[in-house]
Amino acid sequence: MKFEILKKSKNCSAKAGKLILPHGEVDTPVFMPVGTNGIIKALNFDQVKQIGFNIILSNSYHLFLRPGVEVLKKAGGLHKFSGWDRNILTDSGGFQVFSLSDFRKVMDEGVIFSSFIDGSRHLFTPESVLEFQSIVGSDIMMPLDECTPIPIDYNIAKIAMERTLKWLDKSYRYYIDYIDRSKQSMFGIIQGNKFRDLRKESALQTCSYDLPGFSIGGLSVGEEKEVMYEILDFLDGFIPETKPRYLMGVGTPEDLLNGVKYGIDMFDCIFPTRAGRNGTFFTKNGKSNIKNSSYKLDFSPLEDNCGCYTCKNFTRSYVRHLFKASEITALTLLSIHNLYFLFNLMKDIREAILNDNFEIFYNEFLKNYKRNENF
């Protein structure tokens, strides 16, 4: 993997760059749609490609449980199994272990957890998580980390942060010894919850490893947005600018814009497609919901001048009709629009950075986006 910085903002940490990965180039900053089970819910990969995405995220935890190691190994990895011929980033499954399992036992060796499917018990270790991701064949892998909720006791957050560093050391050794680094890259993950001293220690130690990129985990888990922005601003000086920075699990328009402001290059989140499946769609003037009664006789597109498949072909009235009738197509059409909106938001942000007017774009977008959220 290579990362090139093409332009930096003069007044903040925003930058435009390019990731060169085994399955093609990716312009940054970039939002990655989440394909938990190897597909973006309610869409097919032709639709994802038509929007313009060159990278998606898939979930190691879910793929490990279903279809499982044997299927993916015999299929030749997730690219061949799913038919997606562009880049894939896989998370470690750490967040899902801690959030989805009713039973889990965390040890320095790893974590034992119960499957959400059938209750069967499994062990994730730093080494086994990377071994599985090597079978998946993802272009970018994540090491096992321990996530913590907010609020949390300081001492518990400290233990989790220190354990994440211990796991990173084991992961790094496995990565160097057993992973084909011409085909797969691994990022380190910075933890520490909302505590600045823990975040600083985690960042300094994580970034001491010779890794191609670094991630920030454990945010957008219940804290106020301003707290998240303050942590991103604080961490800015401790992460090498020459390496891509990935903010995990963040994907609202305002968070993407602020993340870029504080030097973030990569994002992922289930929110835009989940929101679409629940009737919410993005516009430049804020979020709205297709269930709104005012759209019953509204024969305009979801958003004027939007170039997505949905807006070019259908009206708010028709999409509302499909949604109210529980037609699956409504979920597809709203998801397409939301992903198109975020793809083009990142494209506009990138162009603003390249043209030295990011701050103007930032202020104008947020002013309009907060103008009128119609639910």
Protein backbone atom coordinates (compact mmCIF):
# COMPACT_ATOMS: atom_id res chain seq x y z
CA MET A 1 0.00 0.00 0.00
CA LYS A 2 1.13 3.51 -0.79
CA PHE A 3 -0.32 6.81 0.38
CA GLU A 4 0.28 10.05 -1.46
CA ILE A 5 -0.69 13.49 -0.13
CA LEU A 6 -1.59 15.78 -3.01
CA LYS A 7 -2.64 18.91 -1.14
CA LYS A 8 -2.99 20.16 2.43
CA SER A 9 -5.20 22.92 3.72
CA LYS A 10 -3.33 26.02 4.85
CA ASN A 11 -5.61 26.64 7.83
CA CYS A 12 -6.40 23.20 9.27
CA SER A 13 -5.34 19.55 9.00
CA ALA A 14 -7.57 18.66 6.03
CA LYS A 15 -5.72 16.98 3.17
CA ALA A 16 -6.44 15.39 -0.18
CA GLY A 17 -4.54 12.27 -1.11
CA LYS A 18 -4.55 8.91 -2.81
CA LEU A 19 -4.33 5.34 -1.55
CA ILE A 20 -2.72 2.89 -3.94
CA LEU A 21 -3.98 -0.58 -3.05
CA PRO A 22 -3.85 -4.03 -4.70
CA HIS A 23 -7.35 -3.69 -6.16
CA GLY A 24 -7.09 -0.13 -7.43
CA GLU A 25 -6.55 3.47 -6.37
CA VAL A 26 -8.76 5.20 -3.80
CA ASP A 27 -9.04 8.98 -3.59
CA THR A 28 -8.97 10.39 -0.08
CA PRO A 29 -10.68 11.55 2.00
CA VAL A 30 -12.95 8.54 1.47
CA PHE A 31 -16.10 7.12 2.99
CA MET A 32 -16.33 3.32 2.88
CA PRO A 33 -19.79 1.70 2.74
CA VAL A 34 -20.21 -1.18 5.19
CA GLY A 35 -20.88 -4.62 3.75
CA THR A 36 -21.16 -6.53 7.02
CA ASN A 37 -21.72 -9.93 5.43
CA GLY A 38 -19.82 -9.28 2.21
CA ILE A 39 -22.55 -7.15 0.58
CA ILE A 40 -24.05 -3.70 1.13
CA LYS A 41 -27.54 -4.36 2.50
CA ALA A 42 -30.33 -3.92 -0.09
CA LEU A 43 -27.82 -3.22 -2.92
CA ASN A 44 -25.81 -5.26 -5.39
CA PHE A 45 -22.20 -4.52 -6.29
CA ASP A 46 -23.04 -3.10 -9.72
CA GLN A 47 -25.06 -0.41 -7.96
CA VAL A 48 -22.19 0.27 -5.55
CA LYS A 49 -19.75 0.58 -8.46
CA GLN A 50 -22.08 2.88 -10.40
CA ILE A 51 -22.03 5.29 -7.47
CA GLY A 52 -18.25 5.28 -7.70
CA PHE A 53 -16.92 3.41 -4.67
CA ASN A 54 -13.57 1.63 -4.97
CA ILE A 55 -13.43 0.30 -1.41
CA ILE A 56 -15.91 -1.23 1.03
CA LEU A 57 -15.67 -2.54 4.59
CA SER A 58 -16.64 -6.06 5.63
CA ASN A 59 -16.92 -7.47 9.12
CA SER A 60 -14.55 -10.21 10.29
CA TYR A 61 -16.79 -11.25 13.19
CA HIS A 62 -19.82 -11.89 10.99
CA LEU A 63 -17.81 -13.51 8.19
CA PHE A 64 -16.06 -15.78 10.69
CA LEU A 65 -19.40 -17.05 11.99
CA ARG A 66 -21.07 -17.18 8.59
CA PRO A 67 -20.11 -18.35 5.96
CA GLY A 68 -17.03 -19.34 7.99
CA VAL A 69 -13.38 -20.17 7.46
CA GLU A 70 -13.87 -23.29 5.34
CA VAL A 71 -16.15 -21.64 2.77
CA LEU A 72 -13.97 -18.56 2.34
CA LYS A 73 -10.80 -20.64 2.07
CA LYS A 74 -12.26 -22.91 -0.60
CA ALA A 75 -13.76 -19.91 -2.43
CA GLY A 76 -10.34 -18.25 -2.64
CA GLY A 77 -11.20 -15.30 -0.42
CA LEU A 78 -13.97 -12.73 -0.20
CA HIS A 79 -13.21 -11.02 -3.52
CA LYS A 80 -13.85 -14.21 -5.48
CA PHE A 81 -16.65 -15.40 -3.21
CA SER A 82 -18.62 -12.14 -3.48
CA GLY A 83 -17.65 -10.98 -6.96
CA TRP A 84 -16.39 -7.61 -5.65
CA ASP A 85 -13.19 -6.90 -7.58
CA ARG A 86 -12.24 -3.66 -5.85
CA ASN A 87 -10.68 -3.03 -2.44
CA ILE A 88 -11.89 -4.45 0.87
CA LEU A 89 -11.05 -3.35 4.39
CA THR A 90 -11.94 -5.77 7.18
CA ASP A 91 -12.25 -4.83 10.82
CA SER A 92 -11.00 -7.20 13.49
CA GLY A 93 -14.40 -8.08 14.90
CA GLY A 94 -13.39 -6.64 18.26
CA PHE A 95 -16.26 -4.16 18.45
CA GLN A 96 -18.84 -6.84 17.60
CA VAL A 97 -17.41 -9.24 20.19
CA PHE A 98 -17.91 -6.61 22.87
CA SER A 99 -21.26 -5.29 21.68
CA LEU A 100 -23.10 -8.38 20.37
CA SER A 101 -22.06 -11.18 22.72
CA ASP A 102 -24.03 -11.87 25.90
CA PHE A 103 -21.04 -13.89 27.05
CA ARG A 104 -17.43 -12.87 26.67
CA LYS A 105 -14.29 -13.41 28.67
CA VAL A 106 -11.43 -11.02 27.97
CA MET A 107 -7.89 -12.20 28.67
CA ASP A 108 -4.44 -11.07 27.66
CA GLU A 109 -4.40 -14.05 25.28
CA GLY A 110 -7.58 -12.91 23.52
CA VAL A 111 -11.33 -13.05 24.02
CA ILE A 112 -13.77 -15.95 24.30
CA PHE A 113 -17.25 -15.08 23.05
CA SER A 114 -20.60 -16.63 22.20
CA SER A 115 -21.95 -16.59 18.64
CA PHE A 116 -25.02 -14.42 18.19
CA ILE A 117 -26.24 -17.06 15.72
CA ASP A 118 -26.22 -20.30 17.71
CA GLY A 119 -24.51 -19.58 21.02
CA SER A 120 -21.40 -21.57 20.13
CA ARG A 121 -18.22 -20.36 21.81
CA HIS A 122 -15.11 -19.18 19.99
CA LEU A 123 -11.72 -17.72 20.82
CA PHE A 124 -10.30 -14.69 19.03
CA THR A 125 -6.60 -14.07 19.54
CA PRO A 126 -4.47 -11.37 17.92
CA GLU A 127 -2.92 -14.05 15.73
CA SER A 128 -6.12 -15.91 14.80
CA VAL A 129 -7.87 -12.67 13.81
CA LEU A 130 -5.10 -11.86 11.31
CA GLU A 131 -4.95 -15.46 10.10
CA PHE A 132 -8.66 -15.29 9.30
CA GLN A 133 -8.32 -11.93 7.55
CA SER A 134 -5.51 -13.40 5.44
CA ILE A 135 -8.00 -16.07 4.31
CA VAL A 136 -10.59 -13.35 3.61
CA GLY A 137 -7.93 -11.64 1.47
CA SER A 138 -8.80 -8.11 2.51
CA ASP A 139 -6.55 -5.34 1.21
CA ILE A 140 -6.44 -3.66 4.64
CA MET A 141 -6.71 -5.59 7.91
CA MET A 142 -7.34 -4.47 11.47
CA PRO A 143 -5.74 -6.01 14.57
CA LEU A 144 -7.75 -7.22 17.55
CA ASP A 145 -8.54 -4.38 19.96
CA GLU A 146 -10.66 -3.92 23.07
CA CYS A 147 -13.46 -1.40 22.77
CA THR A 148 -14.94 0.36 25.79
CA PRO A 149 -18.26 2.19 26.22
CA ILE A 150 -18.89 5.73 27.41
CA PRO A 151 -19.25 6.43 30.31
CA ILE A 152 -16.58 4.21 31.86
CA ASP A 153 -14.28 4.17 34.86
CA TYR A 154 -10.80 5.50 34.08
CA ASN A 155 -9.02 2.42 35.40
CA ILE A 156 -11.10 0.07 33.26
CA ALA A 157 -10.38 2.20 30.17
CA LYS A 158 -6.68 2.13 31.04
CA ILE A 159 -6.61 -1.66 31.32
CA ALA A 160 -8.40 -2.00 27.96
CA MET A 161 -6.02 0.45 26.28
CA GLU A 162 -2.98 -1.37 27.65
CA ARG A 163 -4.39 -4.74 26.57
CA THR A 164 -4.98 -3.35 23.06
CA LEU A 165 -1.30 -2.39 22.94
CA LYS A 166 -0.26 -5.89 24.07
CA TRP A 167 -2.45 -7.37 21.36
CA LEU A 168 -0.98 -4.97 18.80
CA ASP A 169 2.52 -6.19 19.61
CA LYS A 170 1.45 -9.78 19.00
CA SER A 171 -0.42 -8.75 15.86
CA TYR A 172 2.59 -6.88 14.50
CA ARG A 173 4.87 -9.87 14.94
CA TYR A 174 2.35 -12.11 13.16
CA TYR A 175 1.91 -9.51 10.42
CA ILE A 176 5.66 -9.32 9.80
CA ASP A 177 6.22 -13.09 9.93
CA TYR A 178 3.18 -14.54 8.17
CA ILE A 179 1.29 -11.96 6.07
CA ASP A 180 2.14 -11.24 2.45
CA ARG A 181 2.58 -7.48 2.80
CA SER A 182 2.60 -6.98 -0.96
CA LYS A 183 -1.08 -7.99 -0.93
CA GLN A 184 -2.35 -7.03 2.53
CA SER A 185 -1.70 -4.13 4.90
CA MET A 186 -2.46 -3.77 8.61
CA PHE A 187 -3.32 -0.58 10.48
CA GLY A 188 -2.79 0.00 14.20
CA ILE A 189 -5.75 1.07 16.34
CA ILE A 190 -5.59 3.90 18.90
CA GLN A 191 -7.84 3.46 21.95
CA GLY A 192 -8.16 5.25 25.31
CA ASN A 193 -11.82 6.22 25.46
CA LYS A 194 -12.37 9.93 26.31
CA PHE A 195 -9.24 10.27 28.47
CA ARG A 196 -6.55 12.41 26.89
CA ASP A 197 -3.59 10.89 28.69
CA LEU A 198 -4.69 7.39 27.66
CA ARG A 199 -5.26 8.51 24.08
CA LYS A 200 -1.83 10.12 23.97
CA GLU A 201 -0.09 7.02 25.35
CA SER A 202 -1.98 4.78 22.95
CA ALA A 203 -1.19 7.01 19.98
CA LEU A 204 2.51 7.31 20.77
CA GLN A 205 2.99 3.58 21.29
CA THR A 206 0.77 2.51 18.38
CA CYS A 207 2.46 4.91 15.97
CA SER A 208 5.90 3.65 17.01
CA TYR A 209 5.23 0.54 14.92
CA ASP A 210 6.21 0.62 11.26
CA LEU A 211 2.69 0.23 9.90
CA PRO A 212 1.19 1.64 6.69
CA GLY A 213 -1.70 3.38 8.46
CA PHE A 214 -3.37 4.11 11.79
CA SER A 215 -6.95 3.97 13.03
CA ILE A 216 -8.83 5.75 15.79
CA GLY A 217 -11.31 3.45 17.53
CA GLY A 218 -13.72 3.81 20.39
CA LEU A 219 -15.40 7.04 19.29
CA SER A 220 -19.01 7.66 18.27
CA VAL A 221 -20.06 5.22 21.01
CA GLY A 222 -22.28 7.54 23.01
CA GLU A 223 -20.15 10.59 23.71
CA GLU A 224 -21.25 14.06 22.64
CA LYS A 225 -20.02 15.10 19.22
CA GLU A 226 -17.94 17.92 20.66
CA VAL A 227 -16.08 15.39 22.81
CA MET A 228 -15.26 13.35 19.72
CA TYR A 229 -14.05 16.44 17.84
CA GLU A 230 -11.91 17.49 20.79
CA ILE A 231 -10.25 14.06 20.89
CA LEU A 232 -9.59 14.16 17.14
CA ASP A 233 -8.09 17.62 17.46
CA PHE A 234 -5.96 16.44 20.40
CA LEU A 235 -4.69 13.34 18.56
CA ASP A 236 -3.81 15.29 15.43
CA GLY A 237 -0.30 16.04 16.63
CA PHE A 238 0.53 12.47 17.64
CA ILE A 239 -0.25 10.57 14.42
CA PRO A 240 2.17 10.76 11.45
CA GLU A 241 0.68 12.96 8.76
CA THR A 242 2.33 10.85 6.06
CA LYS A 243 0.24 7.79 7.00
CA PRO A 244 -3.50 7.50 6.31
CA ARG A 245 -5.73 8.05 9.33
CA TYR A 246 -8.91 6.02 9.64
CA LEU A 247 -11.75 7.04 11.99
CA MET A 248 -13.73 3.88 12.63
CA GLY A 249 -17.54 3.76 12.69
CA VAL A 250 -18.28 7.39 11.85
CA GLY A 251 -20.44 8.43 8.89
CA THR A 252 -22.89 11.30 9.32
CA PRO A 253 -22.29 14.20 6.91
CA GLU A 254 -21.32 16.64 9.67
CA ASP A 255 -18.96 14.11 11.27
CA LEU A 256 -17.24 13.40 7.96
CA LEU A 257 -16.69 17.09 7.38
CA ASN A 258 -15.32 17.65 10.88
CA GLY A 259 -13.21 14.50 10.70
CA VAL A 260 -11.50 15.77 7.56
CA LYS A 261 -10.92 19.10 9.29
CA TYR A 262 -8.93 17.25 11.98
CA GLY A 263 -6.85 15.25 9.53
CA ILE A 264 -8.89 12.08 8.99
CA ASP A 265 -8.55 10.37 5.59
CA MET A 266 -10.85 7.34 5.87
CA PHE A 267 -14.28 6.68 7.38
CA ASP A 268 -16.86 3.90 7.55
CA CYS A 269 -20.31 3.57 9.07
CA ILE A 270 -23.54 1.58 8.75
CA PHE A 271 -25.58 4.76 9.35
CA PRO A 272 -26.29 5.93 5.76
CA THR A 273 -27.72 2.60 4.62
CA ARG A 274 -29.44 1.83 7.92
CA ALA A 275 -30.99 5.30 7.85
CA GLY A 276 -32.19 4.66 4.29
CA ARG A 277 -33.79 1.38 5.30
CA ASN A 278 -35.67 3.32 7.97
CA GLY A 279 -36.88 6.00 5.55
CA THR A 280 -34.31 8.73 6.21
CA PHE A 281 -32.52 10.40 3.33
CA PHE A 282 -29.84 13.10 3.13
CA THR A 283 -30.17 16.45 1.42
CA LYS A 284 -27.93 19.51 1.41
CA ASN A 285 -30.46 21.12 3.73
CA GLY A 286 -30.38 18.29 6.26
CA LYS A 287 -31.96 14.89 6.80
CA SER A 288 -35.57 14.19 5.94
CA ASN A 289 -37.87 11.17 6.14
CA ILE A 290 -39.82 9.74 3.26
CA LYS A 291 -42.70 8.81 5.59
CA ASN A 292 -43.52 12.51 5.98
CA SER A 293 -47.12 13.11 4.87
CA SER A 294 -46.09 16.19 2.89
CA TYR A 295 -44.40 13.90 0.35
CA LYS A 296 -47.61 12.07 -0.58
CA LEU A 297 -48.23 14.44 -3.49
CA ASP A 298 -44.65 15.63 -3.94
CA PHE A 299 -43.54 14.70 -7.45
CA SER A 300 -40.05 16.15 -7.18
CA PRO A 301 -36.93 14.00 -6.65
CA LEU A 302 -35.53 13.31 -3.18
CA GLU A 303 -33.16 16.22 -3.83
CA ASP A 304 -33.10 18.72 -6.69
CA ASN A 305 -30.08 18.45 -8.99
CA CYS A 306 -29.02 15.12 -7.48
CA GLY A 307 -27.49 12.78 -10.07
CA CYS A 308 -28.17 9.48 -8.31
CA TYR A 309 -30.21 6.72 -9.96
CA THR A 310 -33.09 7.28 -7.54
CA CYS A 311 -33.41 11.03 -8.10
CA LYS A 312 -33.01 10.76 -11.87
CA ASN A 313 -35.85 8.26 -12.17
CA PHE A 314 -38.31 8.54 -9.28
CA THR A 315 -40.22 11.06 -7.17
CA ARG A 316 -40.65 11.48 -3.46
CA SER A 317 -44.28 10.50 -3.85
CA TYR A 318 -43.42 7.21 -5.57
CA VAL A 319 -40.62 6.28 -3.15
CA ARG A 320 -42.95 7.10 -0.24
CA HIS A 321 -45.61 4.86 -1.79
CA LEU A 322 -43.11 1.99 -2.07
CA PHE A 323 -41.94 2.49 1.50
CA LYS A 324 -45.47 2.63 2.92
CA ALA A 325 -46.33 -0.51 0.92
CA SER A 326 -43.29 -2.28 2.44
CA GLU A 327 -41.71 -2.81 -0.95
CA ILE A 328 -38.04 -3.82 -0.68
CA THR A 329 -37.18 -1.57 -3.63
CA ALA A 330 -37.83 1.49 -1.46
CA LEU A 331 -34.96 0.48 0.83
CA THR A 332 -32.68 0.06 -2.17
CA LEU A 333 -33.60 3.44 -3.67
CA LEU A 334 -33.08 5.32 -0.39
CA SER A 335 -29.78 3.54 0.28
CA ILE A 336 -28.52 4.37 -3.22
CA HIS A 337 -29.34 8.03 -2.66
CA ASN A 338 -27.65 8.20 0.76
CA LEU A 339 -24.47 6.52 -0.43
CA TYR A 340 -24.38 8.74 -3.52
CA PHE A 341 -24.79 11.78 -1.28
CA LEU A 342 -21.82 10.79 0.90
CA PHE A 343 -19.66 9.76 -2.06
CA ASN A 344 -20.19 13.17 -3.64
CA LEU A 345 -19.76 14.97 -0.33
CA MET A 346 -16.29 13.43 -0.03
CA LYS A 347 -15.62 14.30 -3.67
CA ASP A 348 -16.64 17.93 -3.05
CA ILE A 349 -14.52 18.08 0.11
CA ARG A 350 -11.53 16.76 -1.82
CA GLU A 351 -12.00 19.32 -4.61
CA ALA A 352 -12.35 22.11 -2.04
CA ILE A 353 -9.02 21.10 -0.48
CA LEU A 354 -7.32 20.91 -3.87
CA ASN A 355 -8.70 24.37 -4.73
CA ASP A 356 -7.67 25.94 -1.41
CA ASN A 357 -11.22 26.72 -0.29
CA PHE A 358 -11.98 23.96 2.23
CA GLU A 359 -12.86 26.43 4.99
CA ILE A 360 -15.41 28.18 2.75
CA PHE A 361 -16.95 24.85 1.75
CA TYR A 362 -16.98 23.68 5.38
CA ASN A 363 -18.88 26.74 6.62
CA GLU A 364 -21.35 26.85 3.72
CA PHE A 365 -22.16 23.15 3.88
CA LEU A 366 -22.83 23.11 7.62
CA LYS A 367 -24.88 26.31 7.40
CA ASN A 368 -27.15 24.76 4.77
CA TYR A 369 -27.23 21.27 6.26
CA LYS A 370 -28.54 22.46 9.61
CA ARG A 371 -31.08 24.81 8.03
CA ASN A 372 -34.09 22.53 7.89
CA GLU A 373 -34.27 18.92 9.02
CA ASN A 374 -37.73 17.81 8.01
CA PHE A 375 -39.08 14.83 9.91
